[in-house]
Amino acid sequence: MSQHHRASKHTSATHKLRPEIEARLPLPCVECGRPVEKGMRWHVAHLTPASKGGRTTRANTGAAHAGCNLRAGGKLGAAKTNQRRRTSHDNREGIRPW
């Protein structure tokens, strides 16, 4: 892990919340809504993403299937990148080719 990601902004307290959430299983997946059962592979997931200001608290975390949580990750960053590319492409349309 890089020094950048070791900063307190990027560290997580989900390992402390996991036993509390596990004791309440089965719970609905925060991504798809299907039940997360004991014995399944699951992650502690944020209801409001950390990238949108969501904190790692009991009220803002829940269980998510591992696949659902991994699939959901990165969508915000991809949306920003794609918007930036569309904007820069729109700006180039007025330029005549050689």
C-alpha atoms as a PDB file:
ATOM      1  CA  MET A   1       0.000   0.000   0.000  1.00  0.00           C
ATOM      2  CA  SER A   2       1.397   3.412  -0.928  1.00  0.00           C
ATOM      3  CA  GLN A   3       1.994   6.168   1.599  1.00  0.00           C
ATOM      4  CA  HIS A   4      -0.813   8.119  -0.075  1.00  0.00           C
ATOM      5  CA  HIS A   5      -3.326   5.377   0.699  1.00  0.00           C
ATOM      6  CA  ARG A   6      -2.018   4.958   4.244  1.00  0.00           C
ATOM      7  CA  ALA A   7      -3.194   8.493   5.048  1.00  0.00           C
ATOM      8  CA  SER A   8      -6.100   8.658   7.493  1.00  0.00           C
ATOM      9  CA  LYS A   9      -8.411   9.791   4.690  1.00  0.00           C
ATOM     10  CA  HIS A  10      -8.004   6.405   2.976  1.00  0.00           C
ATOM     11  CA  THR A  11      -7.858   4.063   5.954  1.00  0.00           C
ATOM     12  CA  SER A  12     -10.981   2.287   7.042  1.00  0.00           C
ATOM     13  CA  ALA A  13     -12.509   1.156  10.294  1.00  0.00           C
ATOM     14  CA  THR A  14     -14.653  -1.495   8.599  1.00  0.00           C
ATOM     15  CA  HIS A  15     -12.659  -4.285  10.258  1.00  0.00           C
ATOM     16  CA  LYS A  16     -14.068  -3.053  13.589  1.00  0.00           C
ATOM     17  CA  LEU A  17     -17.651  -3.000  12.267  1.00  0.00           C
ATOM     18  CA  ARG A  18     -17.520  -6.416  10.579  1.00  0.00           C
ATOM     19  CA  PRO A  19     -18.195  -8.512  13.742  1.00  0.00           C
ATOM     20  CA  GLU A  20     -21.158  -6.276  14.631  1.00  0.00           C
ATOM     21  CA  ILE A  21     -22.667  -6.623  11.164  1.00  0.00           C
ATOM     22  CA  GLU A  22     -21.927 -10.369  11.041  1.00  0.00           C
ATOM     23  CA  ALA A  23     -23.870 -10.884  14.277  1.00  0.00           C
ATOM     24  CA  ARG A  24     -26.978  -9.386  12.588  1.00  0.00           C
ATOM     25  CA  LEU A  25     -26.810 -11.551   9.418  1.00  0.00           C
ATOM     26  CA  PRO A  26     -28.888 -12.340   7.361  1.00  0.00           C
ATOM     27  CA  LEU A  27     -29.218  -8.765   6.104  1.00  0.00           C
ATOM     28  CA  PRO A  28     -30.173  -7.380   2.703  1.00  0.00           C
ATOM     29  CA  CYS A  29     -27.247  -6.505   0.438  1.00  0.00           C
ATOM     30  CA  VAL A  30     -26.799  -2.728   0.252  1.00  0.00           C
ATOM     31  CA  GLU A  31     -26.160  -3.018  -3.505  1.00  0.00           C
ATOM     32  CA  CYS A  32     -28.738  -5.521  -4.812  1.00  0.00           C
ATOM     33  CA  GLY A  33     -31.131  -6.114  -1.895  1.00  0.00           C
ATOM     34  CA  ARG A  34     -30.829  -9.919  -1.917  1.00  0.00           C
ATOM     35  CA  PRO A  35     -30.025 -11.476   1.489  1.00  0.00           C
ATOM     36  CA  VAL A  36     -26.444 -11.828   2.657  1.00  0.00           C
ATOM     37  CA  GLU A  37     -26.291 -15.066   4.669  1.00  0.00           C
ATOM     38  CA  LYS A  38     -23.671 -16.378   7.090  1.00  0.00           C
ATOM     39  CA  GLY A  39     -21.066 -18.446   5.284  1.00  0.00           C
ATOM     40  CA  MET A  40     -21.192 -16.284   2.132  1.00  0.00           C
ATOM     41  CA  ARG A  41     -18.342 -14.052   0.979  1.00  0.00           C
ATOM     42  CA  TRP A  42     -19.383 -10.514   1.846  1.00  0.00           C
ATOM     43  CA  HIS A  43     -17.918  -7.051   2.388  1.00  0.00           C
ATOM     44  CA  VAL A  44     -18.716  -4.175   4.698  1.00  0.00           C
ATOM     45  CA  ALA A  45     -20.116  -1.569   2.301  1.00  0.00           C
ATOM     46  CA  HIS A  46     -21.043   2.087   2.655  1.00  0.00           C
ATOM     47  CA  LEU A  47     -24.649   3.168   2.075  1.00  0.00           C
ATOM     48  CA  THR A  48     -23.431   6.649   1.119  1.00  0.00           C
ATOM     49  CA  PRO A  49     -20.061   6.213  -0.620  1.00  0.00           C
ATOM     50  CA  ALA A  50     -16.996   7.669   1.066  1.00  0.00           C
ATOM     51  CA  SER A  51     -16.284   9.532  -2.181  1.00  0.00           C
ATOM     52  CA  LYS A  52     -19.555  11.422  -1.667  1.00  0.00           C
ATOM     53  CA  GLY A  53     -18.791  12.244   1.957  1.00  0.00           C
ATOM     54  CA  GLY A  54     -20.156   9.094   3.612  1.00  0.00           C
ATOM     55  CA  ARG A  55     -18.494   8.256   6.909  1.00  0.00           C
ATOM     56  CA  THR A  56     -17.557   4.789   8.169  1.00  0.00           C
ATOM     57  CA  THR A  57     -20.143   4.547  10.953  1.00  0.00           C
ATOM     58  CA  ARG A  58     -22.671   1.916  12.047  1.00  0.00           C
ATOM     59  CA  ALA A  59     -25.473   3.945  10.486  1.00  0.00           C
ATOM     60  CA  ASN A  60     -23.734   4.249   7.102  1.00  0.00           C
ATOM     61  CA  THR A  61     -22.460   0.678   6.651  1.00  0.00           C
ATOM     62  CA  GLY A  62     -24.035  -2.661   5.890  1.00  0.00           C
ATOM     63  CA  ALA A  63     -23.361  -6.026   4.310  1.00  0.00           C
ATOM     64  CA  ALA A  64     -22.885  -6.458   0.568  1.00  0.00           C
ATOM     65  CA  HIS A  65     -22.123  -9.540  -1.498  1.00  0.00           C
ATOM     66  CA  ALA A  66     -18.442  -9.494  -2.459  1.00  0.00           C
ATOM     67  CA  GLY A  67     -19.309  -9.476  -6.164  1.00  0.00           C
ATOM     68  CA  CYS A  68     -21.871  -6.691  -5.802  1.00  0.00           C
ATOM     69  CA  ASN A  69     -19.484  -4.474  -3.849  1.00  0.00           C
ATOM     70  CA  LEU A  70     -16.566  -5.033  -6.230  1.00  0.00           C
ATOM     71  CA  ARG A  71     -18.796  -4.379  -9.234  1.00  0.00           C
ATOM     72  CA  ALA A  72     -20.052  -1.115  -7.703  1.00  0.00           C
ATOM     73  CA  GLY A  73     -16.568   0.211  -6.946  1.00  0.00           C
ATOM     74  CA  GLY A  74     -15.098   2.694  -9.382  1.00  0.00           C
ATOM     75  CA  LYS A  75     -18.350   3.756 -11.053  1.00  0.00           C
ATOM     76  CA  LEU A  76     -18.079   7.302  -9.739  1.00  0.00           C
ATOM     77  CA  GLY A  77     -14.515   7.687 -10.960  1.00  0.00           C
ATOM     78  CA  ALA A  78     -15.419   6.227 -14.351  1.00  0.00           C
ATOM     79  CA  ALA A  79     -18.372   8.600 -14.683  1.00  0.00           C
ATOM     80  CA  LYS A  80     -16.129  11.610 -13.976  1.00  0.00           C
ATOM     81  CA  THR A  81     -13.494  10.407 -16.448  1.00  0.00           C
ATOM     82  CA  ASN A  82     -16.061   9.758 -19.173  1.00  0.00           C
ATOM     83  CA  GLN A  83     -17.665  13.177 -18.633  1.00  0.00           C
ATOM     84  CA  ARG A  84     -14.264  14.840 -18.895  1.00  0.00           C
ATOM     85  CA  ARG A  85     -13.554  12.963 -22.138  1.00  0.00           C
ATOM     86  CA  ARG A  86     -16.925  13.940 -23.611  1.00  0.00           C
ATOM     87  CA  THR A  87     -16.326  17.576 -22.702  1.00  0.00           C
ATOM     88  CA  SER A  88     -12.863  17.661 -24.245  1.00  0.00           C
ATOM     89  CA  HIS A  89     -14.180  15.893 -27.368  1.00  0.00           C
ATOM     90  CA  ASP A  90     -17.009  18.440 -27.716  1.00  0.00           C
ATOM     91  CA  ASN A  91     -14.456  21.256 -27.521  1.00  0.00           C
ATOM     92  CA  ARG A  92     -12.447  19.734 -30.389  1.00  0.00           C
ATOM     93  CA  GLU A  93     -15.383  19.555 -32.793  1.00  0.00           C
ATOM     94  CA  GLY A  94     -14.958  23.195 -33.831  1.00  0.00           C
ATOM     95  CA  ILE A  95     -11.352  22.581 -34.943  1.00  0.00           C
ATOM     96  CA  ARG A  96     -10.935  21.875 -38.636  1.00  0.00           C
ATOM     97  CA  PRO A  97      -8.758  18.895 -39.587  1.00  0.00           C
ATOM     98  CA  TRP A  98      -5.554  19.496 -41.537  1.00  0.00           C
END
